């Protein structure tokens, strides 16, 4: 005799899954709609600022950091969304030189004492932090270049020369 399990329980579970998927899909559609409206709103505000020749505001999240994949409907944020995140990022960027200098000092200390396990641990942590800065700074400069180009009307070449000289 073959058992298929409780049919009623299977139907209830199927209804639950379908309801969950519908809620998730609706939430995704709402996020997409909100992201598009947000970007359009700030585009018009920026255009008005440019027309009146006044400084643009710096909204959080910045519209350039809101990335919409129109094929999948996915919305990503490539920058800070909360004030605390922006403050932490700004503080970390200010401390970048300190971390790089600390890594150099650690490397020299390890040359003098290669068997020191504490130095190895610190070296590993500092290396992770400095590598994180390298990855983030490439994105940060590309994003900044795009923002400067949009806000000033300068050519990509002129903005790149200003940033990377």
N, C-alpha and C. Protein backbone atom coordinates (compact mmCIF):
# COMPACT_ATOMS: atom_id res chain seq x y z
N UNK A 1 0.83 -1.16 0.00
CA UNK A 1 0.00 0.00 0.00
C UNK A 1 0.89 1.25 0.00
N UNK A 2 0.62 2.16 -0.91
CA UNK A 2 1.42 3.37 -1.04
C UNK A 2 0.71 4.53 -0.36
N UNK A 3 1.47 5.32 0.41
CA UNK A 3 0.88 6.47 1.09
C UNK A 3 1.38 7.74 0.44
N UNK A 4 0.50 8.67 0.21
CA UNK A 4 0.86 9.96 -0.36
C UNK A 4 0.91 11.05 0.70
N UNK A 5 0.66 10.71 1.93
CA UNK A 5 0.64 11.71 2.98
C UNK A 5 -0.72 12.34 3.10
N UNK A 6 -0.81 13.32 3.96
CA UNK A 6 -2.06 14.00 4.21
C UNK A 6 -2.31 15.04 3.12
N UNK A 7 -3.30 14.81 2.27
CA UNK A 7 -3.60 15.69 1.15
C UNK A 7 -3.99 17.08 1.63
N UNK A 8 -4.77 17.15 2.69
CA UNK A 8 -5.21 18.44 3.23
C UNK A 8 -4.00 19.24 3.71
N UNK A 9 -3.09 18.59 4.40
CA UNK A 9 -1.90 19.28 4.89
C UNK A 9 -1.05 19.78 3.71
N UNK A 10 -0.96 19.00 2.66
CA UNK A 10 -0.20 19.42 1.48
C UNK A 10 -0.84 20.64 0.83
N UNK A 11 -2.17 20.67 0.75
CA UNK A 11 -2.86 21.82 0.17
C UNK A 11 -2.67 23.08 1.02
N UNK A 12 -2.73 22.93 2.33
CA UNK A 12 -2.52 24.08 3.22
C UNK A 12 -1.10 24.61 3.05
N UNK A 13 -0.13 23.71 2.99
CA UNK A 13 1.27 24.11 2.81
C UNK A 13 1.45 24.81 1.46
N UNK A 14 0.84 24.30 0.41
CA UNK A 14 0.93 24.90 -0.92
C UNK A 14 0.32 26.30 -0.92
N UNK A 15 -0.82 26.48 -0.27
CA UNK A 15 -1.45 27.80 -0.17
C UNK A 15 -0.54 28.77 0.58
N UNK A 16 0.09 28.28 1.64
CA UNK A 16 1.01 29.11 2.42
C UNK A 16 2.18 29.58 1.55
N UNK A 17 2.77 28.68 0.82
CA UNK A 17 3.91 29.01 -0.06
C UNK A 17 3.47 30.01 -1.13
N UNK A 18 2.31 29.79 -1.74
CA UNK A 18 1.83 30.69 -2.78
C UNK A 18 1.56 32.08 -2.20
N UNK A 19 1.02 32.15 -1.00
CA UNK A 19 0.74 33.43 -0.35
C UNK A 19 2.05 34.15 -0.05
N UNK A 20 3.04 33.40 0.44
CA UNK A 20 4.35 33.99 0.75
C UNK A 20 5.00 34.56 -0.51
N UNK A 21 4.96 33.81 -1.59
CA UNK A 21 5.55 34.26 -2.86
C UNK A 21 4.83 35.49 -3.39
N UNK A 22 3.53 35.54 -3.26
CA UNK A 22 2.76 36.70 -3.72
C UNK A 22 3.14 37.94 -2.91
N UNK A 23 3.28 37.78 -1.58
CA UNK A 23 3.69 38.91 -0.73
C UNK A 23 5.08 39.39 -1.10
N UNK A 24 5.98 38.45 -1.32
CA UNK A 24 7.36 38.80 -1.69
C UNK A 24 7.41 39.52 -3.03
N UNK A 25 6.63 39.04 -3.97
CA UNK A 25 6.58 39.66 -5.29
C UNK A 25 6.00 41.07 -5.21
N UNK A 26 4.96 41.24 -4.40
CA UNK A 26 4.35 42.57 -4.23
C UNK A 26 5.34 43.53 -3.57
N UNK A 27 6.09 43.05 -2.59
CA UNK A 27 7.08 43.91 -1.92
C UNK A 27 8.17 44.32 -2.90
N UNK A 28 8.61 43.40 -3.74
CA UNK A 28 9.63 43.72 -4.75
C UNK A 28 9.14 44.74 -5.75
N UNK A 29 7.88 44.59 -6.17
CA UNK A 29 7.29 45.54 -7.12
C UNK A 29 7.17 46.93 -6.49
N UNK A 30 6.82 46.97 -5.21
CA UNK A 30 6.69 48.25 -4.51
C UNK A 30 8.05 48.92 -4.36
N UNK A 31 9.10 48.14 -4.06
CA UNK A 31 10.45 48.70 -3.95
C UNK A 31 10.90 49.25 -5.30
N UNK A 32 10.64 48.53 -6.37
CA UNK A 32 11.00 48.99 -7.70
C UNK A 32 10.30 50.30 -8.03
N UNK A 33 9.00 50.37 -7.78
CA UNK A 33 8.23 51.58 -8.03
C UNK A 33 8.78 52.76 -7.23
N UNK A 34 9.06 52.53 -5.96
CA UNK A 34 9.58 53.58 -5.09
C UNK A 34 10.95 54.04 -5.56
N UNK A 35 11.80 53.12 -5.97
CA UNK A 35 13.15 53.48 -6.44
C UNK A 35 13.07 54.33 -7.70
N UNK A 36 12.21 53.96 -8.62
CA UNK A 36 12.07 54.73 -9.87
C UNK A 36 11.56 56.14 -9.55
N UNK A 37 10.54 56.22 -8.70
CA UNK A 37 10.00 57.54 -8.32
C UNK A 37 11.04 58.38 -7.62
N UNK A 38 11.85 57.77 -6.76
CA UNK A 38 12.90 58.47 -6.02
C UNK A 38 13.92 59.06 -6.99
N UNK A 39 14.38 58.25 -7.93
CA UNK A 39 15.37 58.72 -8.90
C UNK A 39 14.80 59.84 -9.77
N UNK A 40 13.54 59.70 -10.20
CA UNK A 40 12.91 60.74 -11.02
C UNK A 40 12.76 62.04 -10.23
N UNK A 41 12.36 61.93 -8.98
CA UNK A 41 12.18 63.12 -8.13
C UNK A 41 13.50 63.88 -8.01
N UNK A 42 14.58 63.16 -7.71
CA UNK A 42 15.86 63.83 -7.53
C UNK A 42 16.43 64.33 -8.86
N UNK A 43 16.12 63.66 -9.95
CA UNK A 43 16.58 64.15 -11.27
C UNK A 43 15.96 65.51 -11.54
N UNK A 44 14.67 65.67 -11.21
CA UNK A 44 14.03 66.97 -11.44
C UNK A 44 14.57 68.03 -10.49
N UNK A 45 14.84 67.66 -9.23
CA UNK A 45 15.42 68.61 -8.28
C UNK A 45 16.80 69.05 -8.75
N UNK A 46 17.62 68.09 -9.19
CA UNK A 46 18.96 68.42 -9.68
C UNK A 46 18.88 69.32 -10.92
N UNK A 47 17.95 69.03 -11.81
CA UNK A 47 17.79 69.85 -13.02
C UNK A 47 17.41 71.28 -12.65
N UNK A 48 16.53 71.41 -11.67
CA UNK A 48 16.13 72.75 -11.21
C UNK A 48 17.31 73.49 -10.58
N UNK A 49 18.10 72.80 -9.79
CA UNK A 49 19.30 73.41 -9.20
C UNK A 49 20.27 73.86 -10.29
N UNK A 50 20.46 73.02 -11.29
CA UNK A 50 21.35 73.37 -12.39
C UNK A 50 20.81 74.58 -13.16
N UNK A 51 19.49 74.60 -13.37
CA UNK A 51 18.87 75.71 -14.10
C UNK A 51 19.04 77.02 -13.33
N UNK A 52 18.91 76.95 -12.00
CA UNK A 52 19.03 78.15 -11.18
C UNK A 52 20.48 78.44 -10.77
N UNK A 53 21.40 77.57 -11.20
CA UNK A 53 22.83 77.72 -10.92
C UNK A 53 23.11 77.77 -9.42
N UNK A 54 22.51 76.82 -8.68
CA UNK A 54 22.76 76.71 -7.25
C UNK A 54 23.30 75.31 -6.97
N UNK A 55 23.94 75.14 -5.81
CA UNK A 55 24.50 73.85 -5.43
C UNK A 55 23.40 72.82 -5.27
N UNK A 56 23.70 71.62 -5.71
CA UNK A 56 22.76 70.52 -5.56
C UNK A 56 22.79 70.02 -4.12
N UNK A 57 21.64 69.57 -3.61
CA UNK A 57 21.65 68.92 -2.30
C UNK A 57 22.33 67.56 -2.40
N UNK A 58 22.68 67.01 -1.26
CA UNK A 58 23.32 65.70 -1.23
C UNK A 58 22.40 64.73 -0.49
N UNK A 59 21.40 64.16 -1.21
CA UNK A 59 20.41 63.30 -0.55
C UNK A 59 21.02 61.97 -0.13
N UNK A 60 20.33 61.33 0.79
CA UNK A 60 20.77 60.04 1.27
C UNK A 60 19.60 59.06 1.17
N UNK A 61 19.68 58.03 0.40
CA UNK A 61 20.81 57.65 -0.45
C UNK A 61 20.87 58.55 -1.68
N UNK A 62 22.07 58.68 -2.22
CA UNK A 62 22.23 59.48 -3.43
C UNK A 62 21.59 58.70 -4.59
N UNK A 63 20.85 59.38 -5.46
CA UNK A 63 20.19 58.68 -6.57
C UNK A 63 21.14 57.87 -7.44
N UNK A 64 22.40 58.30 -7.57
CA UNK A 64 23.37 57.53 -8.35
C UNK A 64 23.70 56.21 -7.67
N UNK A 65 23.48 56.13 -6.35
CA UNK A 65 23.76 54.90 -5.61
C UNK A 65 22.58 53.92 -5.62
N UNK A 66 21.45 54.35 -6.17
CA UNK A 66 20.29 53.47 -6.30
C UNK A 66 20.36 52.87 -7.71
N UNK A 67 20.65 51.59 -7.78
CA UNK A 67 20.86 50.91 -9.06
C UNK A 67 19.66 50.00 -9.33
N UNK A 68 19.03 50.22 -10.47
CA UNK A 68 17.85 49.44 -10.84
C UNK A 68 18.20 48.54 -12.02
N UNK A 69 17.98 47.26 -11.85
CA UNK A 69 18.15 46.30 -12.94
C UNK A 69 16.77 46.10 -13.55
N UNK A 70 16.53 46.73 -14.68
CA UNK A 70 15.20 46.70 -15.28
C UNK A 70 14.84 45.34 -15.85
N UNK A 71 15.82 44.49 -16.09
CA UNK A 71 15.52 43.15 -16.60
C UNK A 71 14.93 42.27 -15.51
N UNK A 72 15.51 42.37 -14.30
CA UNK A 72 15.06 41.49 -13.21
C UNK A 72 14.15 42.21 -12.22
N UNK A 73 14.14 43.54 -12.25
CA UNK A 73 13.35 44.30 -11.29
C UNK A 73 14.05 44.46 -9.96
N UNK A 74 15.32 44.05 -9.90
CA UNK A 74 16.08 44.14 -8.66
C UNK A 74 16.55 45.57 -8.42
N UNK A 75 16.51 45.98 -7.15
CA UNK A 75 17.00 47.30 -6.74
C UNK A 75 18.15 47.08 -5.77
N UNK A 76 19.31 47.73 -6.05
CA UNK A 76 20.48 47.65 -5.16
C UNK A 76 20.88 49.04 -4.74
N UNK A 77 21.50 49.13 -3.59
CA UNK A 77 22.03 50.39 -3.09
C UNK A 77 23.54 50.24 -3.01
N UNK A 78 24.27 51.03 -3.81
CA UNK A 78 25.73 50.93 -3.85
C UNK A 78 26.40 51.96 -2.96
N UNK A 79 25.68 52.54 -2.08
CA UNK A 79 26.25 53.52 -1.17
C UNK A 79 25.46 53.52 0.12
N UNK A 80 25.79 54.44 1.01
CA UNK A 80 25.08 54.47 2.28
C UNK A 80 23.61 54.84 2.10
N UNK A 81 22.78 54.26 2.94
CA UNK A 81 21.35 54.52 2.92
C UNK A 81 20.95 55.32 4.16
N UNK A 82 21.64 55.07 5.26
CA UNK A 82 21.37 55.74 6.52
C UNK A 82 22.47 56.75 6.84
N UNK A 83 22.13 57.74 7.61
CA UNK A 83 23.12 58.75 8.02
C UNK A 83 24.28 58.09 8.76
N UNK A 84 23.97 57.11 9.60
CA UNK A 84 25.01 56.42 10.35
C UNK A 84 25.98 55.71 9.41
N UNK A 85 25.46 55.14 8.33
CA UNK A 85 26.32 54.46 7.36
C UNK A 85 27.23 55.47 6.66
N UNK A 86 26.68 56.61 6.30
CA UNK A 86 27.47 57.65 5.63
C UNK A 86 28.56 58.16 6.56
N UNK A 87 28.20 58.41 7.82
CA UNK A 87 29.18 58.89 8.79
C UNK A 87 30.29 57.88 9.00
N UNK A 88 29.92 56.60 9.10
CA UNK A 88 30.91 55.54 9.28
C UNK A 88 31.82 55.43 8.07
N UNK A 89 31.25 55.53 6.87
CA UNK A 89 32.06 55.47 5.65
C UNK A 89 33.02 56.65 5.58
N UNK A 90 32.51 57.85 5.88
CA UNK A 90 33.36 59.05 5.84
C UNK A 90 34.50 58.95 6.86
N UNK A 91 34.18 58.45 8.06
CA UNK A 91 35.21 58.29 9.09
C UNK A 91 36.25 57.26 8.64
N UNK A 92 35.78 56.16 8.07
CA UNK A 92 36.70 55.12 7.61
C UNK A 92 37.62 55.66 6.51
N UNK A 93 37.06 56.45 5.60
CA UNK A 93 37.89 57.02 4.53
C UNK A 93 38.92 58.00 5.09
N UNK A 94 38.55 58.72 6.14
CA UNK A 94 39.51 59.62 6.78
C UNK A 94 40.63 58.84 7.45
N UNK A 95 40.30 57.66 7.95
CA UNK A 95 41.28 56.85 8.68
C UNK A 95 42.09 55.94 7.76
N UNK A 96 41.81 55.98 6.48
CA UNK A 96 42.49 55.08 5.54
C UNK A 96 44.01 55.19 5.63
N UNK A 97 44.52 56.40 5.64
CA UNK A 97 45.97 56.58 5.70
C UNK A 97 46.54 56.00 6.98
N UNK A 98 45.81 56.12 8.08
CA UNK A 98 46.28 55.55 9.35
C UNK A 98 46.39 54.03 9.26
N UNK A 99 45.39 53.39 8.63
CA UNK A 99 45.45 51.93 8.47
C UNK A 99 46.61 51.52 7.56
N UNK A 100 46.81 52.25 6.47
CA UNK A 100 47.92 51.93 5.56
C UNK A 100 49.27 52.10 6.25
N UNK A 101 49.40 53.18 7.02
CA UNK A 101 50.64 53.41 7.77
C UNK A 101 50.84 52.32 8.82
N UNK A 102 49.75 51.92 9.49
CA UNK A 102 49.83 50.84 10.47
C UNK A 102 50.27 49.53 9.84
N UNK A 103 49.80 49.27 8.63
CA UNK A 103 50.21 48.05 7.93
C UNK A 103 51.69 48.09 7.59
N UNK A 104 52.19 49.24 7.15
CA UNK A 104 53.62 49.37 6.85
C UNK A 104 54.46 49.14 8.11
N UNK A 105 54.05 49.71 9.22
CA UNK A 105 54.76 49.54 10.48
C UNK A 105 54.74 48.07 10.90
N UNK A 106 53.60 47.43 10.73
CA UNK A 106 53.46 46.02 11.09
C UNK A 106 54.39 45.14 10.24
N UNK A 107 54.46 45.44 8.94
CA UNK A 107 55.33 44.67 8.05
C UNK A 107 56.79 44.80 8.50
N UNK A 108 57.22 46.01 8.84
CA UNK A 108 58.60 46.21 9.32
C UNK A 108 58.84 45.48 10.63
N UNK A 109 57.85 45.51 11.52
CA UNK A 109 57.99 44.82 12.80
C UNK A 109 58.06 43.31 12.59
N UNK A 110 57.32 42.80 11.62
CA UNK A 110 57.35 41.36 11.33
C UNK A 110 58.69 40.94 10.74
N UNK A 111 59.33 41.84 10.00
CA UNK A 111 60.66 41.53 9.47
C UNK A 111 61.65 41.37 10.62
N UNK A 112 61.49 42.18 11.65
CA UNK A 112 62.39 42.10 12.80
C UNK A 112 62.03 40.91 13.69
N UNK A 113 60.76 40.53 13.76
CA UNK A 113 60.31 39.44 14.62
C UNK A 113 59.30 38.58 13.87
N UNK A 114 59.77 37.74 12.93
CA UNK A 114 58.86 36.99 12.07
C UNK A 114 58.03 35.93 12.79
N UNK A 115 58.40 35.53 14.00
CA UNK A 115 57.66 34.48 14.72
C UNK A 115 56.60 35.04 15.67
N UNK A 116 56.41 36.33 15.69
CA UNK A 116 55.46 36.96 16.61
C UNK A 116 54.03 36.74 16.09
N UNK A 117 53.28 35.91 16.80
CA UNK A 117 51.92 35.57 16.36
C UNK A 117 50.97 36.76 16.45
N UNK A 118 51.16 37.62 17.42
CA UNK A 118 50.31 38.81 17.54
C UNK A 118 50.49 39.71 16.32
N UNK A 119 51.73 39.89 15.89
CA UNK A 119 51.97 40.71 14.71
C UNK A 119 51.34 40.10 13.46
N UNK A 120 51.40 38.79 13.35
CA UNK A 120 50.78 38.11 12.20
C UNK A 120 49.26 38.34 12.20
N UNK A 121 48.65 38.23 13.38
CA UNK A 121 47.20 38.43 13.48
C UNK A 121 46.84 39.87 13.11
N UNK A 122 47.58 40.82 13.66
CA UNK A 122 47.33 42.23 13.36
C UNK A 122 47.55 42.51 11.88
N UNK A 123 48.60 41.90 11.32
CA UNK A 123 48.89 42.07 9.89
C UNK A 123 47.70 41.57 9.05
N UNK A 124 47.16 40.42 9.42
CA UNK A 124 46.02 39.88 8.68
C UNK A 124 44.81 40.80 8.74
N UNK A 125 44.53 41.35 9.92
CA UNK A 125 43.39 42.24 10.07
C UNK A 125 43.60 43.55 9.30
N UNK A 126 44.79 44.11 9.41
CA UNK A 126 45.07 45.36 8.69
C UNK A 126 45.04 45.14 7.18
N UNK A 127 45.51 43.99 6.73
CA UNK A 127 45.48 43.68 5.30
C UNK A 127 44.05 43.63 4.80
N UNK A 128 43.15 43.01 5.56
CA UNK A 128 41.74 42.95 5.16
C UNK A 128 41.16 44.36 5.05
N UNK A 129 41.48 45.21 6.01
CA UNK A 129 40.94 46.57 6.01
C UNK A 129 41.47 47.35 4.82
N UNK A 130 42.77 47.28 4.58
CA UNK A 130 43.37 48.02 3.46
C UNK A 130 42.85 47.50 2.13
N UNK A 131 42.68 46.18 2.01
CA UNK A 131 42.11 45.61 0.78
C UNK A 131 40.68 46.10 0.57
N UNK A 132 39.91 46.20 1.65
CA UNK A 132 38.55 46.71 1.56
C UNK A 132 38.56 48.14 1.02
N UNK A 133 39.51 48.95 1.51
CA UNK A 133 39.62 50.33 1.02
C UNK A 133 39.94 50.35 -0.47
N UNK A 134 40.83 49.46 -0.90
CA UNK A 134 41.19 49.42 -2.32
C UNK A 134 39.98 49.11 -3.18
N UNK A 135 39.19 48.11 -2.78
CA UNK A 135 38.00 47.76 -3.55
C UNK A 135 36.99 48.89 -3.55
N UNK A 136 36.76 49.49 -2.38
CA UNK A 136 35.76 50.54 -2.25
C UNK A 136 36.21 51.83 -2.94
N UNK A 137 37.49 52.12 -2.88
CA UNK A 137 37.94 53.40 -3.44
C UNK A 137 37.79 53.41 -4.95
N UNK A 138 37.99 52.27 -5.60
CA UNK A 138 37.81 52.23 -7.05
C UNK A 138 36.36 52.58 -7.39
N UNK A 139 35.41 51.98 -6.67
CA UNK A 139 34.00 52.29 -6.92
C UNK A 139 33.72 53.75 -6.56
N UNK A 140 34.27 54.20 -5.42
CA UNK A 140 34.01 55.56 -4.95
C UNK A 140 34.46 56.58 -6.00
N UNK A 141 35.64 56.40 -6.57
CA UNK A 141 36.14 57.38 -7.54
C UNK A 141 35.35 57.34 -8.84
N UNK A 142 34.95 56.15 -9.26
CA UNK A 142 34.13 56.06 -10.48
C UNK A 142 32.79 56.74 -10.24
N UNK A 143 32.20 56.52 -9.06
CA UNK A 143 30.93 57.15 -8.72
C UNK A 143 31.09 58.67 -8.64
N UNK A 144 32.17 59.12 -7.99
CA UNK A 144 32.42 60.56 -7.86
C UNK A 144 32.63 61.18 -9.23
N UNK A 145 33.36 60.48 -10.11
CA UNK A 145 33.60 61.01 -11.45
C UNK A 145 32.27 61.20 -12.18
N UNK A 146 31.37 60.22 -12.05
CA UNK A 146 30.07 60.33 -12.69
C UNK A 146 29.26 61.48 -12.14
N UNK A 147 29.31 61.67 -10.82
CA UNK A 147 28.55 62.76 -10.20
C UNK A 147 29.11 64.12 -10.60
N UNK A 148 30.44 64.25 -10.62
CA UNK A 148 31.03 65.53 -11.02
C UNK A 148 30.68 65.84 -12.47
N UNK A 149 30.74 64.81 -13.29
CA UNK A 149 30.45 65.02 -14.70
C UNK A 149 29.01 65.49 -14.89
N UNK A 150 28.09 64.86 -14.16
CA UNK A 150 26.68 65.25 -14.28
C UNK A 150 26.44 66.64 -13.72
N UNK A 151 27.05 66.96 -12.59
CA UNK A 151 26.75 68.23 -11.93
C UNK A 151 27.46 69.41 -12.59
N UNK A 152 28.58 69.18 -13.25
CA UNK A 152 29.35 70.29 -13.83
C UNK A 152 29.19 70.39 -15.34
N UNK A 153 28.78 69.29 -15.96
CA UNK A 153 28.69 69.29 -17.42
C UNK A 153 30.06 69.12 -18.08
N UNK A 154 31.09 68.86 -17.28
CA UNK A 154 32.44 68.68 -17.82
C UNK A 154 32.53 67.35 -18.56
N UNK A 155 33.54 67.26 -19.40
CA UNK A 155 33.77 66.01 -20.12
C UNK A 155 34.32 64.97 -19.15
N UNK A 156 34.16 63.70 -19.52
CA UNK A 156 34.69 62.61 -18.70
C UNK A 156 36.21 62.76 -18.54
N UNK A 157 36.89 63.18 -19.59
CA UNK A 157 38.34 63.33 -19.54
C UNK A 157 38.76 64.42 -18.55
N UNK A 158 38.05 65.56 -18.59
CA UNK A 158 38.39 66.66 -17.70
C UNK A 158 38.18 66.26 -16.23
N UNK A 159 37.07 65.58 -15.94
CA UNK A 159 36.81 65.14 -14.57
C UNK A 159 37.85 64.12 -14.14
N UNK A 160 38.20 63.17 -15.02
CA UNK A 160 39.21 62.17 -14.67
C UNK A 160 40.55 62.82 -14.36
N UNK A 161 40.93 63.83 -15.15
CA UNK A 161 42.20 64.53 -14.89
C UNK A 161 42.16 65.23 -13.53
N UNK A 162 41.02 65.80 -13.19
CA UNK A 162 40.89 66.49 -11.91
C UNK A 162 41.05 65.52 -10.75
N UNK A 163 40.42 64.35 -10.85
CA UNK A 163 40.43 63.38 -9.76
C UNK A 163 41.75 62.61 -9.69
N UNK A 164 42.26 62.17 -10.81
CA UNK A 164 43.37 61.22 -10.81
C UNK A 164 44.73 61.85 -11.07
N UNK A 165 44.88 63.15 -10.95
CA UNK A 165 46.19 63.73 -11.23
C UNK A 165 47.19 63.46 -10.17
